[in-house]
Amino acid sequence: MRFQQLLQRLPWLLSLMPNRSAPGASRLSTPGPTTALRPERLDTQAAVIHHLEWCVLFNEHLAVDSTQTHHIRPLPDAHHCDLGQWLARMHPRMADRDPRYLDLQQEHLRLHTMASQALALARNNRMARASTLLNTEFERSRARVLTLLREMQKS
């Protein structure tokens, strides 16, 4: 199975790619000028955006042959991605205040681990295993990170 075939089996990835939305997929929306967000919610809003941007970049890495990745921005690890940096900045403020924060940190690390494993499998032409990993553990982790961020944003 080639990378494009793998992508077709992962419709949630297509929904994150610009100009490649799956039918019926919603697009990311940003608050308009009439939407007022409290400052603490802006921080979490930025974290949601960071997570989604990383997912798009991951999708780009998954979509290209390993010999062509030099044409796209490197995929940062859990500590160097924007969400990882946000988590590090927020640690003093959030670790004791919101128990979901520690869950988010742990799930974020898990997401990056699953992503690295999936890319390694795909690059070793083990597409069926990569697809299984992406559709199970990776997808659960990706959704959990987003759910935790959105829950934190609402509170």
Protein backbone atom coordinates (compact mmCIF):
# COMPACT_ATOMS: atom_id res chain seq x y z
CA MET A 1 0.00 0.00 0.00
CA ARG A 2 1.40 3.40 -0.95
CA PHE A 3 1.23 6.62 1.09
CA GLN A 4 -1.74 7.97 -0.89
CA GLN A 5 -3.65 4.73 -0.32
CA LEU A 6 -2.89 5.00 3.37
CA LEU A 7 -4.21 8.56 3.37
CA GLN A 8 -7.45 7.45 1.75
CA ARG A 9 -7.97 5.01 4.61
CA LEU A 10 -7.61 7.86 7.12
CA PRO A 11 -10.37 10.38 6.33
CA TRP A 12 -9.69 12.44 9.46
CA LEU A 13 -6.25 13.26 8.06
CA LEU A 14 -7.75 14.47 4.80
CA SER A 15 -10.07 16.76 6.73
CA LEU A 16 -7.04 18.53 8.23
CA MET A 17 -5.29 19.12 4.92
CA PRO A 18 -5.92 22.45 3.19
CA ASN A 19 -7.94 22.08 -0.03
CA ARG A 20 -8.38 18.33 0.54
CA SER A 21 -11.35 18.15 2.85
CA ALA A 22 -13.31 14.97 2.91
CA PRO A 23 -16.98 15.43 2.00
CA GLY A 24 -18.91 16.86 4.92
CA ALA A 25 -15.79 17.67 6.93
CA SER A 26 -15.86 20.84 8.92
CA ARG A 27 -13.15 23.43 8.56
CA LEU A 28 -11.33 25.08 11.42
CA SER A 29 -12.94 28.29 12.52
CA THR A 30 -11.33 31.17 14.27
CA PRO A 31 -13.15 33.65 16.43
CA GLY A 32 -14.46 36.61 14.50
CA PRO A 33 -14.21 40.22 15.61
CA THR A 34 -17.49 39.94 17.54
CA THR A 35 -16.29 36.92 19.53
CA ALA A 36 -14.69 38.06 22.76
CA LEU A 37 -12.51 35.51 24.52
CA ARG A 38 -11.27 35.83 28.07
CA PRO A 39 -7.45 36.01 28.28
CA GLU A 40 -7.15 32.57 29.95
CA ARG A 41 -9.28 31.06 27.18
CA LEU A 42 -7.03 32.64 24.55
CA ASP A 43 -4.11 30.60 25.90
CA THR A 44 -6.07 27.38 25.51
CA GLN A 45 -7.39 28.48 22.11
CA ALA A 46 -3.77 28.88 21.00
CA ALA A 47 -3.00 25.37 22.30
CA VAL A 48 -5.87 23.91 20.26
CA ILE A 49 -4.53 25.65 17.16
CA HIS A 50 -0.99 24.41 17.89
CA HIS A 51 -2.30 20.83 18.15
CA LEU A 52 -4.24 21.06 14.89
CA GLU A 53 -1.30 22.65 13.05
CA TRP A 54 0.97 19.82 14.21
CA CYS A 55 -1.62 17.30 12.95
CA VAL A 56 -1.53 18.97 9.53
CA LEU A 57 2.28 18.83 9.48
CA PHE A 58 2.19 15.17 10.55
CA ASN A 59 -0.20 14.51 7.68
CA GLU A 60 2.24 16.15 5.25
CA HIS A 61 5.04 13.92 6.52
CA LEU A 62 2.84 10.87 6.18
CA ALA A 63 1.81 11.84 2.65
CA VAL A 64 5.30 12.11 1.18
CA ASP A 65 7.94 9.54 0.49
CA SER A 66 10.70 9.55 3.11
CA THR A 67 13.20 10.74 0.49
CA GLN A 68 11.11 13.88 -0.11
CA THR A 69 10.68 15.10 3.50
CA HIS A 70 13.45 17.66 3.06
CA HIS A 71 10.88 19.77 1.16
CA ILE A 72 8.67 20.20 4.21
CA ARG A 73 9.24 21.58 7.66
CA PRO A 74 10.70 18.99 10.07
CA LEU A 75 8.18 17.32 12.37
CA PRO A 76 8.99 18.48 15.90
CA ASP A 77 8.92 16.05 18.81
CA ALA A 78 6.69 16.39 21.87
CA HIS A 79 9.02 18.84 23.59
CA HIS A 80 9.79 21.03 20.60
CA CYS A 81 6.36 21.31 18.98
CA ASP A 82 4.30 24.41 19.73
CA LEU A 83 1.90 22.50 21.99
CA GLY A 84 4.83 20.99 23.89
CA GLN A 85 6.29 24.47 24.38
CA TRP A 86 2.86 25.74 25.50
CA LEU A 87 2.60 22.88 28.01
CA ALA A 88 6.04 23.74 29.41
CA ARG A 89 5.12 27.42 29.77
CA MET A 90 1.79 26.61 31.41
CA HIS A 91 3.16 24.01 33.83
CA PRO A 92 3.72 26.35 36.80
CA ARG A 93 0.23 27.81 36.41
CA MET A 94 -1.78 24.71 35.54
CA ALA A 95 -0.21 21.63 37.15
CA ASP A 96 -1.89 22.17 40.53
CA ARG A 97 -4.95 24.05 39.31
CA ASP A 98 -6.39 21.66 36.74
CA PRO A 99 -5.98 17.87 37.00
CA ARG A 100 -6.62 17.57 33.26
CA TYR A 101 -3.34 19.36 32.62
CA LEU A 102 -1.26 16.35 33.72
CA ASP A 103 -3.50 14.04 31.68
CA LEU A 104 -2.93 16.33 28.70
CA GLN A 105 0.84 16.22 29.14
CA GLN A 106 0.82 12.43 29.26
CA GLU A 107 -1.52 12.05 26.29
CA HIS A 108 0.50 14.55 24.27
CA LEU A 109 3.65 12.46 24.77
CA ARG A 110 1.72 9.33 23.82
CA LEU A 111 0.47 11.01 20.63
CA HIS A 112 4.00 11.82 19.54
CA THR A 113 5.15 8.28 20.32
CA MET A 114 2.34 6.83 18.19
CA ALA A 115 3.12 9.29 15.38
CA SER A 116 6.80 8.31 15.33
CA GLN A 117 5.92 4.64 15.27
CA ALA A 118 3.40 5.12 12.45
CA LEU A 119 5.89 7.09 10.34
CA ALA A 120 8.57 4.45 10.90
CA LEU A 121 6.18 1.68 9.87
CA ALA A 122 5.07 3.59 6.77
CA ARG A 123 8.64 4.37 5.76
CA ASN A 124 9.50 0.68 6.10
CA ASN A 125 6.64 -0.10 3.73
CA ARG A 126 4.55 -1.70 6.46
CA MET A 127 1.44 0.24 5.46
CA ALA A 128 -1.12 -2.18 6.89
CA ARG A 129 0.44 -1.93 10.37
CA ALA A 130 0.83 1.84 10.04
CA SER A 131 -2.81 2.14 9.05
CA THR A 132 -3.93 -0.01 11.98
CA LEU A 133 -1.88 2.06 14.42
CA LEU A 134 -3.14 5.34 12.97
CA ASN A 135 -6.76 4.23 13.06
CA THR A 136 -6.62 2.92 16.62
CA GLU A 137 -4.12 4.13 19.20
CA PHE A 138 -2.97 7.24 17.35
CA GLU A 139 -6.51 8.37 16.57
CA ARG A 140 -7.66 7.81 20.16
CA SER A 141 -4.70 9.79 21.44
CA ARG A 142 -5.17 12.61 18.91
CA ALA A 143 -8.84 12.92 19.80
CA ARG A 144 -8.11 12.75 23.54
CA VAL A 145 -5.60 15.62 23.31
CA LEU A 146 -8.16 17.74 21.48
CA THR A 147 -10.94 16.80 23.92
CA LEU A 148 -8.82 17.69 26.94
CA LEU A 149 -7.84 21.02 25.41
CA ARG A 150 -11.45 21.88 24.59
CA GLU A 151 -12.63 20.88 28.08
CA MET A 152 -9.94 23.08 29.59
CA GLN A 153 -10.95 25.91 27.28
CA LYS A 154 -14.58 25.73 28.46
CA SER A 155 -13.73 25.86 32.15
